[in-house]
C-alpha atoms as a PDB file:
ATOM      1  CA  MET A   1     -29.857   9.986  12.765  1.00  0.00           C
ATOM      2  CA  SER A   2     -28.091  12.721  14.712  1.00  0.00           C
ATOM      3  CA  TYR A   3     -24.523  12.627  16.000  1.00  0.00           C
ATOM      4  CA  VAL A   4     -22.811  14.448  18.852  1.00  0.00           C
ATOM      5  CA  PHE A   5     -20.441  15.995  16.286  1.00  0.00           C
ATOM      6  CA  ALA A   6     -20.199  16.020  12.501  1.00  0.00           C
ATOM      7  CA  ALA A   7     -19.449  12.558  11.110  1.00  0.00           C
ATOM      8  CA  PRO A   8     -16.178  12.378   9.174  1.00  0.00           C
ATOM      9  CA  PRO A   9     -16.430  12.282   5.391  1.00  0.00           C
ATOM     10  CA  VAL A  10     -16.101   9.008   3.523  1.00  0.00           C
ATOM     11  CA  VAL A  11     -12.521   8.442   2.360  1.00  0.00           C
ATOM     12  CA  SER A  12     -12.526   7.637  -1.347  1.00  0.00           C
ATOM     13  CA  VAL A  13     -10.146   7.179  -4.268  1.00  0.00           C
ATOM     14  CA  PRO A  14     -10.793   8.206  -7.891  1.00  0.00           C
ATOM     15  CA  VAL A  15     -11.276   5.502 -10.515  1.00  0.00           C
ATOM     16  CA  VAL A  16      -9.697   5.780 -13.949  1.00  0.00           C
ATOM     17  CA  GLY A  17     -12.352   6.495 -16.587  1.00  0.00           C
ATOM     18  CA  GLN A  18     -15.212   6.855 -14.106  1.00  0.00           C
ATOM     19  CA  SER A  19     -16.850   9.744 -12.287  1.00  0.00           C
ATOM     20  CA  ALA A  20     -17.798   7.540  -9.323  1.00  0.00           C
ATOM     21  CA  GLN A  21     -15.244   7.214  -6.497  1.00  0.00           C
ATOM     22  CA  PHE A  22     -14.086   4.033  -4.728  1.00  0.00           C
ATOM     23  CA  PRO A  23     -15.079   4.309  -1.021  1.00  0.00           C
ATOM     24  CA  VAL A  24     -12.412   2.955   1.305  1.00  0.00           C
ATOM     25  CA  ARG A  25     -13.311   0.646   4.173  1.00  0.00           C
ATOM     26  CA  HIS A  26     -10.141  -0.985   5.548  1.00  0.00           C
ATOM     27  CA  ILE A  27      -6.483  -0.833   4.547  1.00  0.00           C
ATOM     28  CA  TYR A  28      -4.659  -4.149   4.938  1.00  0.00           C
ATOM     29  CA  CYS A  29      -0.896  -4.299   4.376  1.00  0.00           C
ATOM     30  CA  VAL A  30       1.297  -7.341   3.787  1.00  0.00           C
ATOM     31  CA  GLY A  31       4.660  -7.410   5.537  1.00  0.00           C
ATOM     32  CA  ARG A  32       7.925  -8.583   3.955  1.00  0.00           C
ATOM     33  CA  ASN A  33       6.345  -9.988   0.781  1.00  0.00           C
ATOM     34  CA  TYR A  34       9.365  -9.705  -1.543  1.00  0.00           C
ATOM     35  CA  GLU A  35      12.298 -12.020  -0.784  1.00  0.00           C
ATOM     36  CA  ASP A  36      15.053  -9.443  -1.273  1.00  0.00           C
ATOM     37  CA  HIS A  37      13.220  -6.931   0.926  1.00  0.00           C
ATOM     38  CA  ALA A  38      12.792  -9.607   3.600  1.00  0.00           C
ATOM     39  CA  LYS A  39      16.560 -10.191   3.446  1.00  0.00           C
ATOM     40  CA  GLU A  40      17.392  -6.495   3.767  1.00  0.00           C
ATOM     41  CA  MET A  41      15.169  -6.427   6.861  1.00  0.00           C
ATOM     42  CA  GLY A  42      17.090  -9.361   8.342  1.00  0.00           C
ATOM     43  CA  PHE A  43      14.812 -12.251   7.369  1.00  0.00           C
ATOM     44  CA  THR A  44      14.945 -15.023   4.753  1.00  0.00           C
ATOM     45  CA  GLY A  45      12.713 -17.583   3.129  1.00  0.00           C
ATOM     46  CA  ARG A  46       9.009 -17.937   2.373  1.00  0.00           C
ATOM     47  CA  GLU A  47       7.585 -17.305   5.816  1.00  0.00           C
ATOM     48  CA  PRO A  48       3.802 -17.399   6.287  1.00  0.00           C
ATOM     49  CA  PRO A  49       2.276 -14.051   5.290  1.00  0.00           C
ATOM     50  CA  PHE A  50       1.480 -11.566   8.025  1.00  0.00           C
ATOM     51  CA  PHE A  51      -0.590  -8.415   7.974  1.00  0.00           C
ATOM     52  CA  PHE A  52      -0.967  -5.037   9.615  1.00  0.00           C
ATOM     53  CA  MET A  53      -3.494  -2.255   9.100  1.00  0.00           C
ATOM     54  CA  LYS A  54      -3.663   1.464   8.525  1.00  0.00           C
ATOM     55  CA  PRO A  55      -6.690   3.689   9.143  1.00  0.00           C
ATOM     56  CA  ALA A  56      -8.610   4.724   6.037  1.00  0.00           C
ATOM     57  CA  ASP A  57      -7.910   8.391   6.746  1.00  0.00           C
ATOM     58  CA  ALA A  58      -4.158   7.738   6.446  1.00  0.00           C
ATOM     59  CA  ILE A  59      -4.757   7.922   2.690  1.00  0.00           C
ATOM     60  CA  VAL A  60      -3.426  10.837   0.657  1.00  0.00           C
ATOM     61  CA  VAL A  61      -5.081  10.787  -2.762  1.00  0.00           C
ATOM     62  CA  VAL A  62      -2.849  12.035  -5.565  1.00  0.00           C
ATOM     63  CA  PRO A  63      -4.666  12.671  -8.862  1.00  0.00           C
ATOM     64  CA  ALA A  64      -3.006  11.443 -12.058  1.00  0.00           C
ATOM     65  CA  GLY A  65      -0.340  13.808 -13.320  1.00  0.00           C
ATOM     66  CA  GLU A  66      -0.097  15.762 -10.074  1.00  0.00           C
ATOM     67  CA  THR A  67       2.405  15.793  -7.203  1.00  0.00           C
ATOM     68  CA  GLY A  68       0.850  15.404  -3.785  1.00  0.00           C
ATOM     69  CA  SER A  69       2.245  16.708  -0.511  1.00  0.00           C
ATOM     70  CA  VAL A  70       3.033  14.547   2.505  1.00  0.00           C
ATOM     71  CA  HIS A  71       4.153  16.192   5.726  1.00  0.00           C
ATOM     72  CA  TYR A  72       7.247  14.801   7.420  1.00  0.00           C
ATOM     73  CA  PRO A  73       5.659  13.139  10.462  1.00  0.00           C
ATOM     74  CA  SER A  74       6.317  13.848  14.114  1.00  0.00           C
ATOM     75  CA  LEU A  75       8.480  11.748  16.460  1.00  0.00           C
ATOM     76  CA  THR A  76      10.693  10.214  13.752  1.00  0.00           C
ATOM     77  CA  LYS A  77      14.134  10.884  12.352  1.00  0.00           C
ATOM     78  CA  ASN A  78      14.017   7.983   9.891  1.00  0.00           C
ATOM     79  CA  LEU A  79      11.037   8.163   7.502  1.00  0.00           C
ATOM     80  CA  HIS A  80      11.178   5.387   4.882  1.00  0.00           C
ATOM     81  CA  HIS A  81       9.485   4.914   1.518  1.00  0.00           C
ATOM     82  CA  GLU A  82       7.923   1.597   0.443  1.00  0.00           C
ATOM     83  CA  ILE A  83       6.398   1.466  -3.062  1.00  0.00           C
ATOM     84  CA  GLU A  84       3.541  -1.029  -3.424  1.00  0.00           C
ATOM     85  CA  LEU A  85       0.948  -2.453  -5.776  1.00  0.00           C
ATOM     86  CA  VAL A  86      -2.443  -1.818  -4.164  1.00  0.00           C
ATOM     87  CA  VAL A  87      -5.340  -4.214  -4.750  1.00  0.00           C
ATOM     88  CA  ALA A  88      -8.871  -2.807  -4.462  1.00  0.00           C
ATOM     89  CA  ILE A  89     -11.563  -5.276  -3.412  1.00  0.00           C
ATOM     90  CA  GLY A  90     -14.941  -4.986  -5.130  1.00  0.00           C
ATOM     91  CA  LYS A  91     -16.632  -8.170  -3.930  1.00  0.00           C
ATOM     92  CA  GLY A  92     -16.399  -9.390  -0.375  1.00  0.00           C
ATOM     93  CA  GLY A  93     -15.905 -12.875   0.948  1.00  0.00           C
ATOM     94  CA  LYS A  94     -14.351 -15.133   3.558  1.00  0.00           C
ATOM     95  CA  ASN A  95     -12.048 -18.112   2.981  1.00  0.00           C
ATOM     96  CA  ILE A  96     -11.634 -17.154  -0.659  1.00  0.00           C
ATOM     97  CA  ALA A  97      -9.647 -19.688  -2.672  1.00  0.00           C
ATOM     98  CA  ALA A  98      -6.560 -18.302  -4.408  1.00  0.00           C
ATOM     99  CA  ALA A  99      -7.942 -19.547  -7.734  1.00  0.00           C
ATOM    100  CA  ASP A 100     -11.123 -17.500  -7.201  1.00  0.00           C
ATOM    101  CA  ALA A 101      -9.456 -14.319  -5.939  1.00  0.00           C
ATOM    102  CA  ALA A 102      -9.609 -12.463  -9.266  1.00  0.00           C
ATOM    103  CA  GLN A 103     -13.419 -12.449  -9.049  1.00  0.00           C
ATOM    104  CA  HIS A 104     -13.154 -10.266  -5.939  1.00  0.00           C
ATOM    105  CA  ILE A 105     -10.759  -7.648  -7.339  1.00  0.00           C
ATOM    106  CA  PHE A 106     -12.198  -4.326  -8.490  1.00  0.00           C
ATOM    107  CA  GLY A 107      -8.897  -2.839  -9.630  1.00  0.00           C
ATOM    108  CA  TYR A 108      -5.321  -1.857  -8.865  1.00  0.00           C
ATOM    109  CA  ALA A 109      -3.416   1.273  -7.898  1.00  0.00           C
ATOM    110  CA  VAL A 110       0.063   2.516  -7.042  1.00  0.00           C
ATOM    111  CA  GLY A 111       0.595   3.220  -3.348  1.00  0.00           C
ATOM    112  CA  LEU A 112       3.250   4.119  -0.817  1.00  0.00           C
ATOM    113  CA  ASP A 113       3.505   2.599   2.642  1.00  0.00           C
ATOM    114  CA  MET A 114       5.367   5.369   4.472  1.00  0.00           C
ATOM    115  CA  THR A 115       7.080   4.087   7.603  1.00  0.00           C
ATOM    116  CA  ARG A 116       8.563   5.676  10.723  1.00  0.00           C
ATOM    117  CA  ARG A 117      11.321   3.068  10.710  1.00  0.00           C
ATOM    118  CA  ASP A 118      12.995   4.091  13.944  1.00  0.00           C
ATOM    119  CA  LEU A 119       9.724   3.870  15.857  1.00  0.00           C
ATOM    120  CA  GLN A 120       8.866   0.556  14.207  1.00  0.00           C
ATOM    121  CA  ASN A 121      12.256  -0.899  15.123  1.00  0.00           C
ATOM    122  CA  ASP A 122      11.999   0.345  18.717  1.00  0.00           C
ATOM    123  CA  MET A 123       8.629  -1.368  19.128  1.00  0.00           C
ATOM    124  CA  LYS A 124       9.970  -4.592  17.615  1.00  0.00           C
ATOM    125  CA  LYS A 125      12.850  -4.646  20.110  1.00  0.00           C
ATOM    126  CA  GLN A 126      10.397  -4.231  22.980  1.00  0.00           C
ATOM    127  CA  GLY A 127       8.024  -6.879  21.633  1.00  0.00           C
ATOM    128  CA  ARG A 128       5.244  -4.303  21.327  1.00  0.00           C
ATOM    129  CA  PRO A 129       2.813  -3.565  18.478  1.00  0.00           C
ATOM    130  CA  TRP A 130       4.353  -1.261  15.892  1.00  0.00           C
ATOM    131  CA  CYS A 131       1.243   0.625  14.750  1.00  0.00           C
ATOM    132  CA  ILE A 132       3.036   3.865  15.650  1.00  0.00           C
ATOM    133  CA  GLY A 133       5.583   3.112  12.929  1.00  0.00           C
ATOM    134  CA  LYS A 134       3.038   2.352  10.209  1.00  0.00           C
ATOM    135  CA  ALA A 135      -0.444   3.703  10.921  1.00  0.00           C
ATOM    136  CA  PHE A 136       0.175   7.439  11.251  1.00  0.00           C
ATOM    137  CA  ASP A 137      -1.395  10.395   9.436  1.00  0.00           C
ATOM    138  CA  GLU A 138      -0.663  10.620   5.686  1.00  0.00           C
ATOM    139  CA  SER A 139       1.144   7.261   5.711  1.00  0.00           C
ATOM    140  CA  ALA A 140      -0.750   5.789   2.737  1.00  0.00           C
ATOM    141  CA  PRO A 141      -0.452   7.930  -0.425  1.00  0.00           C
ATOM    142  CA  ILE A 142      -2.276   6.406  -3.389  1.00  0.00           C
ATOM    143  CA  GLY A 143      -2.969   7.166  -7.046  1.00  0.00           C
ATOM    144  CA  PRO A 144      -6.176   6.505  -9.007  1.00  0.00           C
ATOM    145  CA  ILE A 145      -7.533   2.967  -9.170  1.00  0.00           C
ATOM    146  CA  THR A 146      -7.410   1.288 -12.577  1.00  0.00           C
ATOM    147  CA  PRO A 147     -10.262  -1.223 -13.081  1.00  0.00           C
ATOM    148  CA  ALA A 148      -9.022  -4.808 -13.297  1.00  0.00           C
ATOM    149  CA  ALA A 149     -10.171  -5.230 -16.907  1.00  0.00           C
ATOM    150  CA  GLN A 150      -7.805  -2.406 -17.898  1.00  0.00           C
ATOM    151  CA  ALA A 151      -4.842  -3.711 -15.895  1.00  0.00           C
ATOM    152  CA  MET A 152      -3.895  -6.837 -17.814  1.00  0.00           C
ATOM    153  CA  GLY A 153      -0.533  -8.334 -16.870  1.00  0.00           C
ATOM    154  CA  VAL A 154      -0.255  -6.450 -13.593  1.00  0.00           C
ATOM    155  CA  GLU A 155       1.054  -9.500 -11.723  1.00  0.00           C
ATOM    156  CA  GLN A 156       4.181  -9.480 -13.917  1.00  0.00           C
ATOM    157  CA  ALA A 157       4.534  -5.684 -14.117  1.00  0.00           C
ATOM    158  CA  GLU A 158       7.615  -3.686 -13.237  1.00  0.00           C
ATOM    159  CA  ILE A 159       7.391  -1.774  -9.948  1.00  0.00           C
ATOM    160  CA  TYR A 160       9.747   1.084  -9.140  1.00  0.00           C
ATOM    161  CA  LEU A 161      10.451   4.181  -7.065  1.00  0.00           C
ATOM    162  CA  GLN A 162      12.777   7.117  -7.647  1.00  0.00           C
ATOM    163  CA  VAL A 163      13.779   9.787  -5.148  1.00  0.00           C
ATOM    164  CA  ASN A 164      14.825  13.080  -6.691  1.00  0.00           C
ATOM    165  CA  GLY A 165      15.216  11.313 -10.041  1.00  0.00           C
ATOM    166  CA  GLN A 166      17.479   8.537  -8.733  1.00  0.00           C
ATOM    167  CA  ASP A 167      16.419   4.881  -8.603  1.00  0.00           C
ATOM    168  CA  ARG A 168      15.770   3.506  -5.115  1.00  0.00           C
ATOM    169  CA  GLN A 169      13.476   0.543  -5.748  1.00  0.00           C
ATOM    170  CA  ARG A 170      13.028  -1.432  -8.974  1.00  0.00           C
ATOM    171  CA  SER A 171      11.645  -4.950  -9.282  1.00  0.00           C
ATOM    172  CA  HIS A 172       8.684  -6.874 -10.699  1.00  0.00           C
ATOM    173  CA  VAL A 173       5.376  -7.814  -9.100  1.00  0.00           C
ATOM    174  CA  SER A 174       6.077 -11.406 -10.179  1.00  0.00           C
ATOM    175  CA  LYS A 175       8.680 -11.526  -7.378  1.00  0.00           C
ATOM    176  CA  LEU A 176       6.045 -11.358  -4.651  1.00  0.00           C
ATOM    177  CA  ILE A 177       6.595 -14.226  -2.200  1.00  0.00           C
ATOM    178  CA  TRP A 178       2.828 -14.613  -1.888  1.00  0.00           C
ATOM    179  CA  ASN A 179       1.098 -13.569  -5.114  1.00  0.00           C
ATOM    180  CA  ILE A 180      -2.132 -11.599  -5.165  1.00  0.00           C
ATOM    181  CA  GLY A 181      -4.408 -14.642  -5.210  1.00  0.00           C
ATOM    182  CA  GLU A 182      -2.529 -16.313  -2.347  1.00  0.00           C
ATOM    183  CA  THR A 183      -2.510 -13.078  -0.357  1.00  0.00           C
ATOM    184  CA  ILE A 184      -6.293 -12.715  -0.693  1.00  0.00           C
ATOM    185  CA  ALA A 185      -6.731 -16.366   0.328  1.00  0.00           C
ATOM    186  CA  HIS A 186      -4.671 -15.912   3.505  1.00  0.00           C
ATOM    187  CA  LEU A 187      -6.171 -12.522   4.329  1.00  0.00           C
ATOM    188  CA  SER A 188      -9.765 -13.678   3.880  1.00  0.00           C
ATOM    189  CA  ALA A 189      -9.143 -16.585   6.220  1.00  0.00           C
ATOM    190  CA  ALA A 190      -8.448 -14.090   8.995  1.00  0.00           C
ATOM    191  CA  TRP A 191     -10.965 -11.362   8.106  1.00  0.00           C
ATOM    192  CA  GLU A 192     -14.086 -11.310   5.975  1.00  0.00           C
ATOM    193  CA  LEU A 193     -13.159  -8.978   3.135  1.00  0.00           C
ATOM    194  CA  GLN A 194     -15.686  -6.374   2.042  1.00  0.00           C
ATOM    195  CA  PRO A 195     -16.087  -4.054  -0.962  1.00  0.00           C
ATOM    196  CA  GLY A 196     -13.954  -1.000  -0.348  1.00  0.00           C
ATOM    197  CA  ASP A 197     -11.033  -2.833   1.242  1.00  0.00           C
ATOM    198  CA  LEU A 198      -7.545  -2.009  -0.021  1.00  0.00           C
ATOM    199  CA  ILE A 199      -4.582  -4.390   0.163  1.00  0.00           C
ATOM    200  CA  TYR A 200      -1.072  -2.922   0.054  1.00  0.00           C
ATOM    201  CA  SER A 201       0.653  -6.025  -1.256  1.00  0.00           C
ATOM    202  CA  GLY A 202       4.252  -5.490  -0.104  1.00  0.00           C
ATOM    203  CA  THR A 203       7.367  -3.647  -1.201  1.00  0.00           C
ATOM    204  CA  PRO A 204      10.525  -4.777  -3.015  1.00  0.00           C
ATOM    205  CA  GLU A 205      14.080  -4.205  -1.844  1.00  0.00           C
ATOM    206  CA  GLY A 206      15.669  -0.751  -1.751  1.00  0.00           C
ATOM    207  CA  VAL A 207      13.646   0.931   0.990  1.00  0.00           C
ATOM    208  CA  GLY A 208      15.357   3.927   2.506  1.00  0.00           C
ATOM    209  CA  ALA A 209      15.046   7.268   4.224  1.00  0.00           C
ATOM    210  CA  VAL A 210      13.622  10.488   2.807  1.00  0.00           C
ATOM    211  CA  VAL A 211      13.732  14.027   4.139  1.00  0.00           C
ATOM    212  CA  ALA A 212      11.740  17.210   3.706  1.00  0.00           C
ATOM    213  CA  GLY A 213      12.106  18.506   0.155  1.00  0.00           C
ATOM    214  CA  ASP A 214      12.513  15.097  -1.451  1.00  0.00           C
ATOM    215  CA  VAL A 215      10.285  14.249  -4.427  1.00  0.00           C
ATOM    216  CA  LEU A 216       9.235  10.606  -4.778  1.00  0.00           C
ATOM    217  CA  LEU A 217       8.053   9.201  -8.106  1.00  0.00           C
ATOM    218  CA  GLY A 218       6.867   5.625  -8.175  1.00  0.00           C
ATOM    219  CA  GLY A 219       4.888   3.428 -10.480  1.00  0.00           C
ATOM    220  CA  VAL A 220       3.656   0.039 -11.551  1.00  0.00           C
ATOM    221  CA  ALA A 221       3.759  -0.549 -15.303  1.00  0.00           C
ATOM    222  CA  GLY A 222       0.288  -0.130 -16.750  1.00  0.00           C
ATOM    223  CA  LEU A 223      -1.086   1.744 -13.746  1.00  0.00           C
ATOM    224  CA  GLY A 224       0.585   5.127 -14.165  1.00  0.00           C
ATOM    225  CA  GLU A 225       2.786   6.888 -11.635  1.00  0.00           C
ATOM    226  CA  LEU A 226       2.441   8.317  -8.139  1.00  0.00           C
ATOM    227  CA  SER A 227       4.358  11.463  -7.210  1.00  0.00           C
ATOM    228  CA  ILE A 228       4.657  13.049  -3.791  1.00  0.00           C
ATOM    229  CA  LYS A 229       6.831  15.704  -2.185  1.00  0.00           C
ATOM    230  CA  ILE A 230       7.860  15.499   1.461  1.00  0.00           C
ATOM    231  CA  VAL A 231       7.162  18.894   3.060  1.00  0.00           C
END
């Protein structure tokens, strides 16, 4: 088949212990999925989960042990960090039961949901979609994917982020309002999940602004660390 211009390359993420890469299809993100983060954003309680998306080419892959670069994006004066456990789907399905969700998980990674908070808030006030605040270039840094069999205990793991060596976010994945199985159940009721989908599962409290020159170091216990510099 010929195309009118060169087709873009497949976006992929390295897999720990494997030479083969994980090809990315869709990026789904869960909003306000830790109670204390929901409160700091002005909300309370166990509201029904809601989702937004980022394009696959928003990914910035950061190899283990390296520090990646993320450019400070245009149009914003309030770029925020959000550290997240990322779930990589290896087996598709629709209307997946929470109890069966583990069968669909290929592995886990550490990710950042970078957010143009001022633009997001402006869109919220106007009742408009806030893709411009979330789905911009380089807004989804991610580290290597650890296969599920090597990531035992991840749903109770510590999750954290430091900026320039100082703690900003520190919590545990067990504090998710909707756990991984429940999230997959809700998500697969709305979309048929496919191999290659990534789910950014939500961020704990402590989100805040970063500026050019800042170095972010985040991690989920058992999955290694993700380091980026804002340039």
